[in-house]
């Protein structure tokens, strides 16, 4: 079970549908998510949404590989949990709330258990910054896609 949870929210100038489309377009994560080097959809649901996705992530000291399994409540929620890889456990979610026709709130919550020890204060700082940065990168990608429409 993942043991340390972080959460970050931001407003996104994009519809719920655009937010959901951006966050579920796993093949394009390396285009906008700075630490993601590679993704591969391993399995899909009958509706085409990814069920299992393998990630290779640059953690500065080493590249980490893990597989996440996703569940969806389209277009408001996706949740994930790790099923394999270099991280002991990852659980998380993205929740989207409609604020206006082209304005949404995105909230990402994630809990991570590492296979190695880090001092709690250092770990909180690193994980908090990483989560915030990933949400802000998602925001930029969703807003860029929304302006192309």
Protein backbone atom coordinates (compact mmCIF):
# COMPACT_ATOMS: atom_id res chain seq x y z
CA UNK A 1 0.00 0.00 0.00
CA UNK A 2 1.28 3.47 -0.85
CA UNK A 3 2.16 5.40 2.28
CA UNK A 4 2.77 9.07 1.54
CA UNK A 5 0.06 11.15 -0.14
CA UNK A 6 0.34 14.52 -1.90
CA UNK A 7 -2.34 16.62 -3.60
CA UNK A 8 -2.30 19.64 -5.91
CA UNK A 9 -5.12 21.50 -7.73
CA UNK A 10 -5.15 24.15 -10.43
CA UNK A 11 -7.60 25.79 -12.80
CA UNK A 12 -7.25 24.81 -16.46
CA UNK A 13 -8.58 26.89 -19.36
CA UNK A 14 -10.06 23.84 -21.08
CA UNK A 15 -13.31 21.85 -20.97
CA UNK A 16 -13.73 18.67 -18.95
CA UNK A 17 -13.61 16.72 -22.20
CA UNK A 18 -10.32 18.31 -23.25
CA UNK A 19 -8.79 17.73 -19.83
CA UNK A 20 -9.82 14.07 -19.94
CA UNK A 21 -8.59 13.66 -23.53
CA UNK A 22 -5.20 15.15 -22.66
CA UNK A 23 -4.62 13.12 -19.50
CA UNK A 24 -5.63 9.85 -21.18
CA UNK A 25 -3.45 10.38 -24.28
CA UNK A 26 -0.59 8.40 -22.74
CA UNK A 27 1.35 8.04 -25.98
CA UNK A 28 1.94 11.82 -25.98
CA UNK A 29 3.13 12.16 -22.36
CA UNK A 30 6.81 12.32 -23.46
CA UNK A 31 5.89 15.40 -25.56
CA UNK A 32 4.80 17.48 -22.57
CA UNK A 33 5.75 15.68 -19.34
CA UNK A 34 9.40 16.57 -18.69
CA UNK A 35 10.42 13.49 -16.68
CA UNK A 36 8.55 10.89 -18.78
CA UNK A 37 10.99 9.44 -21.29
CA UNK A 38 8.75 6.74 -22.75
CA UNK A 39 5.26 5.28 -22.43
CA UNK A 40 3.68 2.15 -23.83
CA UNK A 41 0.03 1.17 -23.59
CA UNK A 42 0.13 -2.52 -22.73
CA UNK A 43 -3.60 -3.22 -22.56
CA UNK A 44 -6.84 -1.40 -23.43
CA UNK A 45 -10.46 -1.64 -22.33
CA UNK A 46 -13.09 -2.45 -24.98
CA UNK A 47 -13.91 1.31 -25.19
CA UNK A 48 -10.32 2.07 -26.26
CA UNK A 49 -9.12 3.68 -23.02
CA UNK A 50 -5.80 2.41 -21.72
CA UNK A 51 -6.01 -0.16 -18.95
CA UNK A 52 -2.28 -0.72 -18.31
CA UNK A 53 0.51 1.68 -19.24
CA UNK A 54 4.25 1.23 -18.80
CA UNK A 55 6.29 4.34 -17.98
CA UNK A 56 10.02 5.07 -18.07
CA UNK A 57 10.69 8.13 -15.90
CA UNK A 58 13.91 10.10 -15.42
CA UNK A 59 14.34 10.47 -11.66
CA UNK A 60 17.67 12.31 -12.07
CA UNK A 61 19.70 9.65 -10.26
CA UNK A 62 18.27 6.81 -12.35
CA UNK A 63 15.53 5.91 -14.80
CA UNK A 64 12.59 4.23 -13.10
CA UNK A 65 10.18 1.87 -14.85
CA UNK A 66 6.69 1.04 -13.63
CA UNK A 67 3.30 -0.11 -14.91
CA UNK A 68 0.09 1.60 -13.82
CA UNK A 69 -3.42 0.18 -14.15
CA UNK A 70 -6.19 2.72 -14.75
CA UNK A 71 -9.92 2.96 -14.08
CA UNK A 72 -12.16 5.73 -15.40
CA UNK A 73 -15.34 7.70 -14.74
CA UNK A 74 -15.28 9.67 -17.99
CA UNK A 75 -14.83 12.67 -18.16
CA UNK A 76 -14.50 13.47 -14.44
CA UNK A 77 -12.10 10.96 -12.93
CA UNK A 78 -9.30 8.54 -13.57
CA UNK A 79 -7.58 6.49 -10.89
CA UNK A 80 -4.47 4.37 -11.00
CA UNK A 81 -2.41 1.90 -9.04
CA UNK A 82 0.93 0.32 -9.77
CA UNK A 83 1.00 -3.34 -10.80
CA UNK A 84 4.72 -3.77 -11.60
CA UNK A 85 8.03 -1.96 -11.66
CA UNK A 86 10.79 -0.28 -9.69
CA UNK A 87 8.51 1.62 -7.27
CA UNK A 88 7.01 -0.33 -4.38
CA UNK A 89 3.53 1.16 -4.81
CA UNK A 90 1.80 4.09 -6.48
CA UNK A 91 -1.87 5.00 -6.13
CA UNK A 92 -3.48 8.14 -7.41
CA UNK A 93 -6.24 10.01 -9.16
CA UNK A 94 -7.04 12.97 -11.36
CA UNK A 95 -10.41 14.60 -10.70
CA UNK A 96 -11.84 17.24 -13.05
CA UNK A 97 -14.57 19.70 -12.04
CA UNK A 98 -16.40 21.98 -14.48
CA UNK A 99 -16.14 25.62 -13.43
CA UNK A 100 -17.38 27.13 -16.74
CA UNK A 101 -17.77 25.81 -20.32
CA UNK A 102 -14.02 26.13 -21.02
CA UNK A 103 -12.69 26.25 -17.45
CA UNK A 104 -12.04 23.24 -15.24
CA UNK A 105 -10.37 22.47 -11.94
CA UNK A 106 -7.88 19.61 -12.06
CA UNK A 107 -6.92 17.93 -8.80
CA UNK A 108 -4.23 15.29 -8.74
CA UNK A 109 -3.70 13.14 -5.66
CA UNK A 110 -0.95 10.56 -5.46
CA UNK A 111 0.59 8.31 -2.84
CA UNK A 112 3.96 6.68 -3.38
CA UNK A 113 5.90 4.01 -1.51
CA UNK A 114 9.53 3.81 -2.53
CA UNK A 115 11.74 0.75 -2.31
CA UNK A 116 14.36 2.82 -0.48
CA UNK A 117 14.43 5.13 2.53
CA UNK A 118 14.54 8.93 2.32
CA UNK A 119 14.21 11.36 5.23
CA UNK A 120 10.55 12.36 5.51
CA UNK A 121 11.18 16.11 5.07
CA UNK A 122 13.27 15.57 1.93
CA UNK A 123 10.80 13.07 0.55
CA UNK A 124 7.84 15.42 1.11
CA UNK A 125 9.65 18.25 -0.62
CA UNK A 126 10.69 16.16 -3.64
CA UNK A 127 7.29 14.48 -4.06
CA UNK A 128 5.37 17.72 -3.57
CA UNK A 129 7.45 19.57 -6.15
CA UNK A 130 7.24 16.67 -8.61
CA UNK A 131 3.45 16.41 -8.27
CA UNK A 132 2.96 20.18 -8.66
CA UNK A 133 5.25 20.27 -11.70
CA UNK A 134 3.44 17.36 -13.36
CA UNK A 135 0.04 19.01 -12.85
CA UNK A 136 1.31 22.32 -14.24
CA UNK A 137 2.76 20.49 -17.27
CA UNK A 138 -0.62 18.77 -17.78
CA UNK A 139 -2.34 22.19 -17.52
CA UNK A 140 -0.09 23.63 -20.23
CA UNK A 141 -0.72 20.64 -22.53
CA UNK A 142 -4.52 20.73 -22.03
CA UNK A 143 -4.67 24.49 -22.59
CA UNK A 144 -2.52 24.24 -25.72
CA UNK A 145 -4.80 21.51 -27.10
CA UNK A 146 -7.90 23.58 -26.24
CA UNK A 147 -6.60 26.60 -28.20
CA UNK A 148 -6.00 24.40 -31.27
CA UNK A 149 -9.68 23.41 -31.42
